[in-house]
C-alpha atoms as a PDB file:
ATOM      1  CA  MET A   1      20.412 -48.549  34.995  1.00  0.00           C
ATOM      2  CA  ASN A   2      19.855 -51.656  32.715  1.00  0.00           C
ATOM      3  CA  PRO A   3      20.378 -51.016  28.951  1.00  0.00           C
ATOM      4  CA  GLU A   4      17.359 -52.997  28.096  1.00  0.00           C
ATOM      5  CA  ARG A   5      15.791 -51.603  30.505  1.00  0.00           C
ATOM      6  CA  ARG A   6      16.242 -47.907  29.562  1.00  0.00           C
ATOM      7  CA  ASN A   7      15.343 -48.976  25.892  1.00  0.00           C
ATOM      8  CA  VAL A   8      12.120 -50.373  26.883  1.00  0.00           C
ATOM      9  CA  ILE A   9      11.269 -47.104  28.788  1.00  0.00           C
ATOM     10  CA  VAL A  10      12.474 -44.562  25.835  1.00  0.00           C
ATOM     11  CA  THR A  11      10.523 -46.595  23.402  1.00  0.00           C
ATOM     12  CA  ALA A  12       7.633 -46.820  25.929  1.00  0.00           C
ATOM     13  CA  VAL A  13       7.800 -42.609  26.276  1.00  0.00           C
ATOM     14  CA  VAL A  14       8.265 -42.338  22.113  1.00  0.00           C
ATOM     15  CA  LEU A  15       5.255 -44.413  21.730  1.00  0.00           C
ATOM     16  CA  GLY A  16       3.364 -42.430  24.301  1.00  0.00           C
ATOM     17  CA  LEU A  17       4.138 -39.620  22.396  1.00  0.00           C
ATOM     18  CA  ILE A  18       2.845 -40.797  19.126  1.00  0.00           C
ATOM     19  CA  VAL A  19      -0.142 -41.712  20.309  1.00  0.00           C
ATOM     20  CA  LEU A  20      -0.502 -38.205  22.052  1.00  0.00           C
ATOM     21  CA  VAL A  21       0.091 -36.167  18.720  1.00  0.00           C
ATOM     22  CA  ALA A  22      -1.794 -38.897  16.783  1.00  0.00           C
ATOM     23  CA  GLY A  23      -4.827 -38.169  18.753  1.00  0.00           C
ATOM     24  CA  TRP A  24      -4.192 -34.622  18.839  1.00  0.00           C
ATOM     25  CA  TYR A  25      -3.983 -34.492  14.999  1.00  0.00           C
ATOM     26  CA  VAL A  26      -7.520 -36.509  14.664  1.00  0.00           C
ATOM     27  CA  TYR A  27      -9.452 -34.257  17.064  1.00  0.00           C
ATOM     28  CA  ALA A  28      -8.296 -30.935  15.491  1.00  0.00           C
ATOM     29  CA  HIS A  29      -8.835 -31.929  11.959  1.00  0.00           C
ATOM     30  CA  SER A  30     -12.579 -33.903  13.242  1.00  0.00           C
ATOM     31  CA  LEU A  31     -13.121 -29.529  14.752  1.00  0.00           C
ATOM     32  CA  ALA A  32     -12.207 -28.667  11.612  1.00  0.00           C
ATOM     33  CA  ALA A  33     -14.367 -30.914   9.590  1.00  0.00           C
ATOM     34  CA  ASP A  34     -17.673 -30.267  11.639  1.00  0.00           C
ATOM     35  CA  LEU A  35     -16.759 -26.319  11.134  1.00  0.00           C
ATOM     36  CA  ARG A  36     -16.514 -26.398   7.575  1.00  0.00           C
ATOM     37  CA  ALA A  37     -19.328 -28.500   7.245  1.00  0.00           C
ATOM     38  CA  GLY A  38     -21.308 -26.228   9.396  1.00  0.00           C
ATOM     39  CA  ASP A  39     -19.923 -23.199   7.321  1.00  0.00           C
ATOM     40  CA  GLN A  40     -21.220 -25.003   4.001  1.00  0.00           C
ATOM     41  CA  ALA A  41     -24.347 -25.808   5.178  1.00  0.00           C
ATOM     42  CA  ILE A  42     -25.058 -21.984   6.073  1.00  0.00           C
ATOM     43  CA  ALA A  43     -23.668 -20.962   2.451  1.00  0.00           C
ATOM     44  CA  ALA A  44     -26.484 -23.805   1.013  1.00  0.00           C
ATOM     45  CA  GLY A  45     -29.290 -22.225   2.848  1.00  0.00           C
ATOM     46  CA  ARG A  46     -29.694 -24.990   5.463  1.00  0.00           C
ATOM     47  CA  PRO A  47     -29.984 -23.830   8.976  1.00  0.00           C
ATOM     48  CA  ASP A  48     -30.955 -27.626  10.352  1.00  0.00           C
ATOM     49  CA  LEU A  49     -27.789 -28.840   8.644  1.00  0.00           C
ATOM     50  CA  ALA A  50     -25.304 -26.309   9.906  1.00  0.00           C
ATOM     51  CA  GLU A  51     -27.001 -26.357  13.663  1.00  0.00           C
ATOM     52  CA  ALA A  52     -26.361 -29.905  13.458  1.00  0.00           C
ATOM     53  CA  ALA A  53     -22.505 -29.558  12.520  1.00  0.00           C
ATOM     54  CA  PHE A  54     -21.783 -26.973  14.840  1.00  0.00           C
ATOM     55  CA  ARG A  55     -23.347 -28.667  17.644  1.00  0.00           C
ATOM     56  CA  ARG A  56     -20.675 -31.750  16.982  1.00  0.00           C
ATOM     57  CA  ALA A  57     -17.850 -28.613  17.042  1.00  0.00           C
ATOM     58  CA  LEU A  58     -19.055 -27.346  20.496  1.00  0.00           C
ATOM     59  CA  THR A  59     -19.268 -31.098  21.817  1.00  0.00           C
ATOM     60  CA  ARG A  60     -15.503 -31.242  20.952  1.00  0.00           C
ATOM     61  CA  ASP A  61     -14.342 -27.574  21.980  1.00  0.00           C
ATOM     62  CA  PRO A  62     -17.574 -26.043  24.125  1.00  0.00           C
ATOM     63  CA  ASP A  63     -15.969 -22.389  23.918  1.00  0.00           C
ATOM     64  CA  ASN A  64     -14.919 -22.726  20.049  1.00  0.00           C
ATOM     65  CA  GLU A  65     -15.681 -19.081  18.554  1.00  0.00           C
ATOM     66  CA  ARG A  66     -16.382 -20.017  15.107  1.00  0.00           C
ATOM     67  CA  ALA A  67     -18.444 -22.930  15.870  1.00  0.00           C
ATOM     68  CA  MET A  68     -20.813 -20.462  18.810  1.00  0.00           C
ATOM     69  CA  TYR A  69     -21.166 -17.840  15.939  1.00  0.00           C
ATOM     70  CA  GLY A  70     -22.152 -20.353  13.534  1.00  0.00           C
ATOM     71  CA  ILE A  71     -25.046 -21.906  15.515  1.00  0.00           C
ATOM     72  CA  GLY A  72     -26.239 -18.613  16.535  1.00  0.00           C
ATOM     73  CA  TRP A  73     -26.237 -17.508  12.573  1.00  0.00           C
ATOM     74  CA  ALA A  74     -28.178 -20.871  12.118  1.00  0.00           C
ATOM     75  CA  TRP A  75     -30.868 -20.140  14.065  1.00  0.00           C
ATOM     76  CA  HIS A  76     -30.838 -16.681  13.155  1.00  0.00           C
ATOM     77  CA  MET A  77     -31.553 -18.163   9.523  1.00  0.00           C
ATOM     78  CA  ALA A  78     -34.322 -20.042  10.731  1.00  0.00           C
ATOM     79  CA  GLY A  79     -36.084 -17.545  11.917  1.00  0.00           C
ATOM     80  CA  GLU A  80     -35.158 -18.079  16.060  1.00  0.00           C
ATOM     81  CA  GLN A  81     -34.318 -14.694  17.176  1.00  0.00           C
ATOM     82  CA  ASP A  82     -34.550 -15.512  20.734  1.00  0.00           C
ATOM     83  CA  GLN A  83     -32.147 -18.539  20.281  1.00  0.00           C
ATOM     84  CA  ALA A  84     -29.636 -16.593  18.183  1.00  0.00           C
ATOM     85  CA  ARG A  85     -30.013 -13.685  20.220  1.00  0.00           C
ATOM     86  CA  GLU A  86     -28.865 -15.870  23.560  1.00  0.00           C
ATOM     87  CA  ALA A  87     -25.931 -18.104  21.530  1.00  0.00           C
ATOM     88  CA  PHE A  88     -24.822 -14.187  20.295  1.00  0.00           C
ATOM     89  CA  GLN A  89     -24.615 -13.113  23.921  1.00  0.00           C
ATOM     90  CA  LEU A  90     -23.585 -15.831  25.253  1.00  0.00           C
ATOM     91  CA  LEU A  91     -20.305 -15.871  22.830  1.00  0.00           C
ATOM     92  CA  GLU A  92     -20.016 -11.338  23.479  1.00  0.00           C
ATOM     93  CA  GLN A  93     -19.426 -12.837  27.450  1.00  0.00           C
ATOM     94  CA  VAL A  94     -17.011 -15.903  26.353  1.00  0.00           C
ATOM     95  CA  HIS A  95     -14.675 -14.025  23.404  1.00  0.00           C
ATOM     96  CA  PRO A  96     -15.442 -10.257  25.073  1.00  0.00           C
ATOM     97  CA  GLU A  97     -12.581  -9.647  22.254  1.00  0.00           C
ATOM     98  CA  SER A  98     -14.493 -10.826  18.840  1.00  0.00           C
ATOM     99  CA  PRO A  99     -16.415  -8.851  16.758  1.00  0.00           C
ATOM    100  CA  LEU A 100     -18.352 -12.243  15.843  1.00  0.00           C
ATOM    101  CA  GLY A 101     -21.033 -11.885  19.012  1.00  0.00           C
ATOM    102  CA  TYR A 102     -21.749  -8.516  18.133  1.00  0.00           C
ATOM    103  CA  LYS A 103     -21.808  -8.991  14.463  1.00  0.00           C
ATOM    104  CA  GLY A 104     -24.588 -11.467  15.117  1.00  0.00           C
ATOM    105  CA  MET A 105     -26.628  -9.160  17.598  1.00  0.00           C
ATOM    106  CA  GLY A 106     -26.666  -6.580  14.803  1.00  0.00           C
ATOM    107  CA  SER A 107     -28.359  -8.855  12.377  1.00  0.00           C
ATOM    108  CA  VAL A 108     -31.024  -9.807  14.891  1.00  0.00           C
ATOM    109  CA  TRP A 109     -31.648  -6.424  15.811  1.00  0.00           C
ATOM    110  CA  MET A 110     -31.797  -5.649  12.252  1.00  0.00           C
ATOM    111  CA  ALA A 111     -34.673  -8.523  11.751  1.00  0.00           C
ATOM    112  CA  GLY A 112     -36.474  -7.120  14.253  1.00  0.00           C
ATOM    113  CA  SER A 113     -36.320  -3.652  12.004  1.00  0.00           C
ATOM    114  CA  ASN A 114     -34.521  -2.025  15.209  1.00  0.00           C
ATOM    115  CA  GLY A 115     -31.952   0.010  12.882  1.00  0.00           C
ATOM    116  CA  LYS A 116     -30.885   2.198  15.989  1.00  0.00           C
ATOM    117  CA  GLU A 117     -29.481  -1.010  17.906  1.00  0.00           C
ATOM    118  CA  ALA A 118     -27.941  -2.457  14.982  1.00  0.00           C
ATOM    119  CA  LYS A 119     -26.073   0.097  13.713  1.00  0.00           C
ATOM    120  CA  ALA A 120     -24.626   0.501  17.576  1.00  0.00           C
ATOM    121  CA  ALA A 121     -23.789  -3.261  17.784  1.00  0.00           C
ATOM    122  CA  TRP A 122     -22.091  -3.053  14.047  1.00  0.00           C
ATOM    123  CA  ALA A 123     -20.084  -0.111  15.121  1.00  0.00           C
ATOM    124  CA  LYS A 124     -18.980  -2.500  17.959  1.00  0.00           C
ATOM    125  CA  ALA A 125     -18.229  -5.234  15.670  1.00  0.00           C
ATOM    126  CA  LEU A 126     -16.073  -3.009  13.453  1.00  0.00           C
ATOM    127  CA  GLU A 127     -13.801  -1.591  16.756  1.00  0.00           C
ATOM    128  CA  LYS A 128     -13.590  -5.135  17.743  1.00  0.00           C
ATOM    129  CA  ALA A 129     -12.306  -6.301  14.208  1.00  0.00           C
ATOM    130  CA  GLY A 130     -10.027  -3.700  13.494  1.00  0.00           C
ATOM    131  CA  THR A 131      -8.789  -4.479   9.720  1.00  0.00           C
ATOM    132  CA  GLY A 132      -8.968  -7.667   7.697  1.00  0.00           C
ATOM    133  CA  PRO A 133     -11.991  -9.505   6.276  1.00  0.00           C
ATOM    134  CA  GLU A 134     -14.199  -9.822   8.724  1.00  0.00           C
ATOM    135  CA  ALA A 135     -13.968  -5.847   9.098  1.00  0.00           C
ATOM    136  CA  ILE A 136     -15.400  -5.764   5.346  1.00  0.00           C
ATOM    137  CA  LYS A 137     -17.867  -7.813   6.309  1.00  0.00           C
ATOM    138  CA  ILE A 138     -19.682  -5.622   8.915  1.00  0.00           C
ATOM    139  CA  GLU A 139     -18.649  -2.294   6.861  1.00  0.00           C
ATOM    140  CA  TYR A 140     -21.083  -4.607   4.137  1.00  0.00           C
ATOM    141  CA  ASP A 141     -23.988  -4.457   6.840  1.00  0.00           C
ATOM    142  CA  LEU A 142     -23.524  -1.131   7.604  1.00  0.00           C
ATOM    143  CA  ALA A 143     -23.808  -0.358   3.855  1.00  0.00           C
ATOM    144  CA  MET A 144     -26.759  -2.669   3.964  1.00  0.00           C
ATOM    145  CA  LEU A 145     -28.425  -0.961   6.962  1.00  0.00           C
ATOM    146  CA  ALA A 146     -28.137   2.638   5.302  1.00  0.00           C
ATOM    147  CA  LEU A 147     -29.776   0.815   2.697  1.00  0.00           C
ATOM    148  CA  GLN A 148     -32.617  -0.225   4.039  1.00  0.00           C
ATOM    149  CA  GLY A 149     -32.957   3.164   5.934  1.00  0.00           C
ATOM    150  CA  LYS A 150     -33.220   4.701   2.776  1.00  0.00           C
ATOM    151  CA  ASP A 151     -30.045   6.682   3.141  1.00  0.00           C
ATOM    152  CA  GLY A 152     -28.462   6.426  -0.663  1.00  0.00           C
ATOM    153  CA  GLU A 153     -26.033   8.646  -0.284  1.00  0.00           C
ATOM    154  CA  ALA A 154     -24.770   7.349   2.667  1.00  0.00           C
ATOM    155  CA  ALA A 155     -25.010   3.633   1.786  1.00  0.00           C
ATOM    156  CA  LEU A 156     -23.424   5.098  -1.781  1.00  0.00           C
ATOM    157  CA  SER A 157     -20.400   6.205   0.106  1.00  0.00           C
ATOM    158  CA  GLY A 158     -20.389   2.825   2.059  1.00  0.00           C
ATOM    159  CA  PHE A 159     -20.193   0.867  -1.047  1.00  0.00           C
ATOM    160  CA  ASP A 160     -17.641   3.211  -2.648  1.00  0.00           C
ATOM    161  CA  ASP A 161     -15.465   2.394  -0.127  1.00  0.00           C
ATOM    162  CA  LEU A 162     -15.818  -1.137  -0.080  1.00  0.00           C
ATOM    163  CA  LEU A 163     -15.176  -1.639  -3.967  1.00  0.00           C
ATOM    164  CA  LYS A 164     -11.951  -0.002  -3.037  1.00  0.00           C
ATOM    165  CA  THR A 165     -10.775  -3.301  -0.920  1.00  0.00           C
ATOM    166  CA  ASP A 166     -12.142  -5.417  -4.391  1.00  0.00           C
ATOM    167  CA  VAL A 167     -13.895  -4.146  -7.107  1.00  0.00           C
ATOM    168  CA  ASN A 168     -14.678  -7.673  -8.228  1.00  0.00           C
ATOM    169  CA  ARG A 169     -17.449  -8.488  -5.559  1.00  0.00           C
ATOM    170  CA  PRO A 170     -20.853  -8.506  -7.353  1.00  0.00           C
ATOM    171  CA  GLU A 171     -22.698  -7.733  -3.976  1.00  0.00           C
ATOM    172  CA  PHE A 172     -20.489  -4.312  -3.297  1.00  0.00           C
ATOM    173  CA  HIS A 173     -21.690  -3.345  -7.065  1.00  0.00           C
ATOM    174  CA  TRP A 174     -25.215  -4.990  -6.266  1.00  0.00           C
ATOM    175  CA  GLY A 175     -25.357  -2.506  -3.459  1.00  0.00           C
ATOM    176  CA  ARG A 176     -23.568   0.508  -5.371  1.00  0.00           C
ATOM    177  CA  ALA A 177     -26.603   0.049  -8.267  1.00  0.00           C
ATOM    178  CA  GLU A 178     -29.172  -0.203  -5.577  1.00  0.00           C
ATOM    179  CA  SER A 179     -27.873   2.947  -3.733  1.00  0.00           C
ATOM    180  CA  LEU A 180     -27.974   5.458  -6.885  1.00  0.00           C
ATOM    181  CA  LEU A 181     -31.556   3.644  -8.224  1.00  0.00           C
ATOM    182  CA  LYS A 182     -32.576   5.289  -4.976  1.00  0.00           C
ATOM    183  CA  LEU A 183     -31.228   8.324  -5.638  1.00  0.00           C
ATOM    184  CA  LYS A 184     -32.609   7.741  -9.104  1.00  0.00           C
ATOM    185  CA  ARG A 185     -29.165   8.534 -10.713  1.00  0.00           C
ATOM    186  CA  LEU A 186     -30.779   5.916 -13.360  1.00  0.00           C
ATOM    187  CA  ASP A 187     -28.226   5.942 -16.191  1.00  0.00           C
ATOM    188  CA  GLU A 188     -25.000   5.404 -13.609  1.00  0.00           C
ATOM    189  CA  ALA A 189     -27.526   2.857 -11.325  1.00  0.00           C
ATOM    190  CA  LEU A 190     -27.922   1.088 -14.901  1.00  0.00           C
ATOM    191  CA  LYS A 191     -23.979   0.780 -15.626  1.00  0.00           C
ATOM    192  CA  GLU A 192     -23.358  -0.210 -12.084  1.00  0.00           C
ATOM    193  CA  ALA A 193     -26.065  -3.114 -12.648  1.00  0.00           C
ATOM    194  CA  ASP A 194     -24.578  -4.321 -15.458  1.00  0.00           C
ATOM    195  CA  GLU A 195     -21.472  -4.732 -13.550  1.00  0.00           C
ATOM    196  CA  ALA A 196     -22.859  -6.620 -10.628  1.00  0.00           C
ATOM    197  CA  VAL A 197     -23.766  -9.175 -13.652  1.00  0.00           C
ATOM    198  CA  ARG A 198     -20.862  -9.438 -14.778  1.00  0.00           C
ATOM    199  CA  CYS A 199     -19.188  -9.678 -11.449  1.00  0.00           C
ATOM    200  CA  ALA A 200     -21.615 -12.345 -10.791  1.00  0.00           C
ATOM    201  CA  GLY A 201     -21.134 -14.379 -13.770  1.00  0.00           C
ATOM    202  CA  ASP A 202     -23.296 -17.366 -15.027  1.00  0.00           C
ATOM    203  CA  ASP A 203     -22.682 -19.015 -11.445  1.00  0.00           C
ATOM    204  CA  GLY A 204     -26.224 -19.392 -10.080  1.00  0.00           C
ATOM    205  CA  SER A 205     -25.579 -17.820  -7.225  1.00  0.00           C
ATOM    206  CA  ARG A 206     -27.868 -15.818  -5.495  1.00  0.00           C
ATOM    207  CA  TYR A 207     -25.813 -12.743  -6.187  1.00  0.00           C
ATOM    208  CA  GLU A 208     -26.485 -13.579  -9.726  1.00  0.00           C
ATOM    209  CA  ALA A 209     -30.171 -13.176  -8.983  1.00  0.00           C
ATOM    210  CA  MET A 210     -30.461 -10.374  -7.231  1.00  0.00           C
ATOM    211  CA  ALA A 211     -27.875  -8.341  -9.664  1.00  0.00           C
ATOM    212  CA  LEU A 212     -30.675  -9.318 -12.222  1.00  0.00           C
ATOM    213  CA  VAL A 213     -33.450  -8.376 -10.275  1.00  0.00           C
ATOM    214  CA  THR A 214     -31.549  -5.109  -9.548  1.00  0.00           C
ATOM    215  CA  ARG A 215     -30.738  -4.270 -13.561  1.00  0.00           C
ATOM    216  CA  ALA A 216     -34.507  -5.335 -14.289  1.00  0.00           C
ATOM    217  CA  ARG A 217     -35.842  -3.017 -11.700  1.00  0.00           C
ATOM    218  CA  THR A 218     -33.291  -0.236 -13.243  1.00  0.00           C
ATOM    219  CA  LEU A 219     -34.805  -0.813 -16.802  1.00  0.00           C
ATOM    220  CA  SER A 220     -38.030  -0.464 -15.703  1.00  0.00           C
ATOM    221  CA  ALA A 221     -37.336   3.152 -13.543  1.00  0.00           C
ATOM    222  CA  VAL A 222     -35.317   3.757 -17.244  1.00  0.00           C
ATOM    223  CA  SER A 223     -38.322   3.549 -19.515  1.00  0.00           C
ATOM    224  CA  GLY A 224     -40.630   5.716 -16.970  1.00  0.00           C
ATOM    225  CA  ASN A 225     -42.038   8.799 -19.062  1.00  0.00           C
ATOM    226  CA  ARG A 226     -39.478   8.016 -21.639  1.00  0.00           C
ATOM    227  CA  VAL A 227     -42.219   7.900 -24.028  1.00  0.00           C
ATOM    228  CA  ASP A 228     -44.189  11.194 -25.671  1.00  0.00           C
ATOM    229  CA  PRO A 229     -47.095  10.526 -27.410  1.00  0.00           C
ATOM    230  CA  LYS A 230     -46.329  12.917 -29.912  1.00  0.00           C
ATOM    231  CA  ASP A 231     -43.489  10.932 -31.081  1.00  0.00           C
ATOM    232  CA  CYS A 232     -44.777   7.547 -30.332  1.00  0.00           C
ATOM    233  CA  LYS A 233     -42.829   5.372 -33.459  1.00  0.00           C
ATOM    234  CA  GLY A 234     -39.051   7.419 -31.654  1.00  0.00           C
ATOM    235  CA  THR A 235     -40.103   7.328 -28.315  1.00  0.00           C
ATOM    236  CA  ALA A 236     -41.997   3.764 -27.607  1.00  0.00           C
ATOM    237  CA  PRO A 237     -39.991   1.102 -29.624  1.00  0.00           C
ATOM    238  CA  PRO A 238     -37.044   1.985 -27.551  1.00  0.00           C
ATOM    239  CA  THR A 239     -39.450   1.753 -23.862  1.00  0.00           C
ATOM    240  CA  TYR A 240     -40.512  -1.340 -25.371  1.00  0.00           C
ATOM    241  CA  ALA A 241     -37.173  -2.636 -25.432  1.00  0.00           C
ATOM    242  CA  TRP A 242     -36.267  -1.720 -21.963  1.00  0.00           C
ATOM    243  CA  LEU A 243     -39.074  -3.677 -20.770  1.00  0.00           C
ATOM    244  CA  ALA A 244     -38.143  -6.690 -22.962  1.00  0.00           C
ATOM    245  CA  GLU A 245     -34.823  -6.583 -21.463  1.00  0.00           C
ATOM    246  CA  ALA A 246     -36.086  -6.636 -17.358  1.00  0.00           C
ATOM    247  CA  ASP A 247     -38.424  -9.659 -18.341  1.00  0.00           C
ATOM    248  CA  LYS A 248     -35.202 -11.974 -19.824  1.00  0.00           C
ATOM    249  CA  ASP A 249     -33.612 -10.400 -16.833  1.00  0.00           C
ATOM    250  CA  LEU A 250     -36.347 -11.734 -14.348  1.00  0.00           C
ATOM    251  CA  ASP A 251     -36.953 -14.939 -15.985  1.00  0.00           C
ATOM    252  CA  LEU A 252     -33.237 -15.552 -15.653  1.00  0.00           C
ATOM    253  CA  ALA A 253     -33.129 -14.893 -12.165  1.00  0.00           C
ATOM    254  CA  GLN A 254     -36.407 -16.785 -11.333  1.00  0.00           C
ATOM    255  CA  SER A 255     -35.127 -19.570 -13.315  1.00  0.00           C
ATOM    256  CA  LEU A 256     -31.936 -19.794 -10.847  1.00  0.00           C
ATOM    257  CA  GLY A 257     -34.569 -20.807  -7.999  1.00  0.00           C
ATOM    258  CA  MET A 258     -33.277 -18.196  -5.297  1.00  0.00           C
ATOM    259  CA  ASP A 259     -35.325 -16.477  -2.927  1.00  0.00           C
ATOM    260  CA  VAL A 260     -34.984 -12.348  -4.231  1.00  0.00           C
ATOM    261  CA  PRO A 261     -38.412 -10.893  -2.304  1.00  0.00           C
ATOM    262  CA  GLU A 262     -38.157  -8.191  -4.618  1.00  0.00           C
ATOM    263  CA  LEU A 263     -38.854 -10.205  -8.132  1.00  0.00           C
ATOM    264  CA  PRO A 264     -42.360 -10.121  -7.947  1.00  0.00           C
ATOM    265  CA  GLU A 265     -43.042  -6.627  -7.348  1.00  0.00           C
ATOM    266  CA  ALA A 266     -40.172  -6.004 -10.473  1.00  0.00           C
ATOM    267  CA  ARG A 267     -42.380  -7.817 -12.521  1.00  0.00           C
ATOM    268  CA  ARG A 268     -45.713  -6.077 -11.561  1.00  0.00           C
ATOM    269  CA  THR A 269     -43.551  -3.176 -12.527  1.00  0.00           C
ATOM    270  CA  VAL A 270     -42.882  -4.116 -15.684  1.00  0.00           C
ATOM    271  CA  LEU A 271     -46.227  -5.144 -16.856  1.00  0.00           C
ATOM    272  CA  MET A 272     -47.316  -1.698 -15.413  1.00  0.00           C
ATOM    273  CA  GLN A 273     -44.792   0.196 -17.256  1.00  0.00           C
ATOM    274  CA  ARG A 274     -45.836  -1.800 -20.525  1.00  0.00           C
ATOM    275  CA  SER A 275     -49.478  -0.971 -20.061  1.00  0.00           C
ATOM    276  CA  LYS A 276     -48.587   2.735 -19.932  1.00  0.00           C
ATOM    277  CA  VAL A 277     -46.767   2.746 -23.263  1.00  0.00           C
ATOM    278  CA  ASP A 278     -50.015   0.580 -24.761  1.00  0.00           C
ATOM    279  CA  ASP A 279     -52.309   3.625 -23.715  1.00  0.00           C
ATOM    280  CA  ALA A 280     -49.647   6.041 -24.960  1.00  0.00           C
ATOM    281  CA  CYS A 281     -48.664   4.381 -28.126  1.00  0.00           C
ATOM    282  CA  PRO A 282     -51.514   1.723 -28.848  1.00  0.00           C
ATOM    283  CA  GLY A 283     -50.599  -0.692 -31.813  1.00  0.00           C
ATOM    284  CA  LEU A 284     -46.635  -0.267 -31.685  1.00  0.00           C
ATOM    285  CA  ARG A 285     -45.193  -2.859 -28.937  1.00  0.00           C
ATOM    286  CA  VAL A 286     -44.379  -5.082 -31.693  1.00  0.00           C
ATOM    287  CA  LEU A 287     -41.623  -2.478 -33.099  1.00  0.00           C
ATOM    288  CA  GLY A 288     -39.580  -2.876 -29.759  1.00  0.00           C
ATOM    289  CA  ALA A 289     -37.078  -5.030 -30.049  1.00  0.00           C
ATOM    290  CA  PRO A 290     -34.211  -5.977 -27.000  1.00  0.00           C
ATOM    291  CA  VAL A 291     -31.228  -3.937 -26.694  1.00  0.00           C
ATOM    292  CA  LYS A 292     -28.002  -5.081 -27.134  1.00  0.00           C
END
């Protein structure tokens, strides 16, 4: 073959490979960008933006596991449970060995108050997940299911196990505090709520707001039946102080602008507890000072 012709052919092949690799690189990174945008929208509580981003990802890769799960989760967040169920069922069919479809179905069942079905779906997801970050998320779902089902002991055990994997996760401390509060182990619950607030830090996150509300609810519970009408000066001031701390926590939680459904009820409970102290020991509220 003519050397010049051979050089032309080699150059053409090399250029073709460069174009092919460049095209693949742009494609892969565009897909990654869409998935990242969807995840960020989910974290920001914007299911509309998440759905749009995951739809773009699915046009690039119709069977992409993360995108299929993401669009189902976006519908779940938006309250469109029928669409979410269809998305997660399709994910189960396309990726039967993935835990994500079963995990999503557990959340859909839970949204419909079907605890038995949710537990079965999450157990299946845990079986598929094995070990690793996804398994931890599923174990958290199961602990939350026990907590919502009023099984304080099972929930406490679940959050204890989760804390062994990461002692600095605020949601794990929050769940443990809620479990202890449900079991009426109030002093322990208060310490755990303090730890949840500490781990959440001052980042303005939903976990910080949840931890603050839990601590306020625990302080309110601690104050119950602590006032002795025969010893008002000894028992009323510390009770007022606990309730003042609870108010501060609730004010801060509300200022964060996060949706914490328990906050209004916690506010009413603090008011009710303060009224009880007023009735039992009138005129002593000014003696109460916030606990340091």
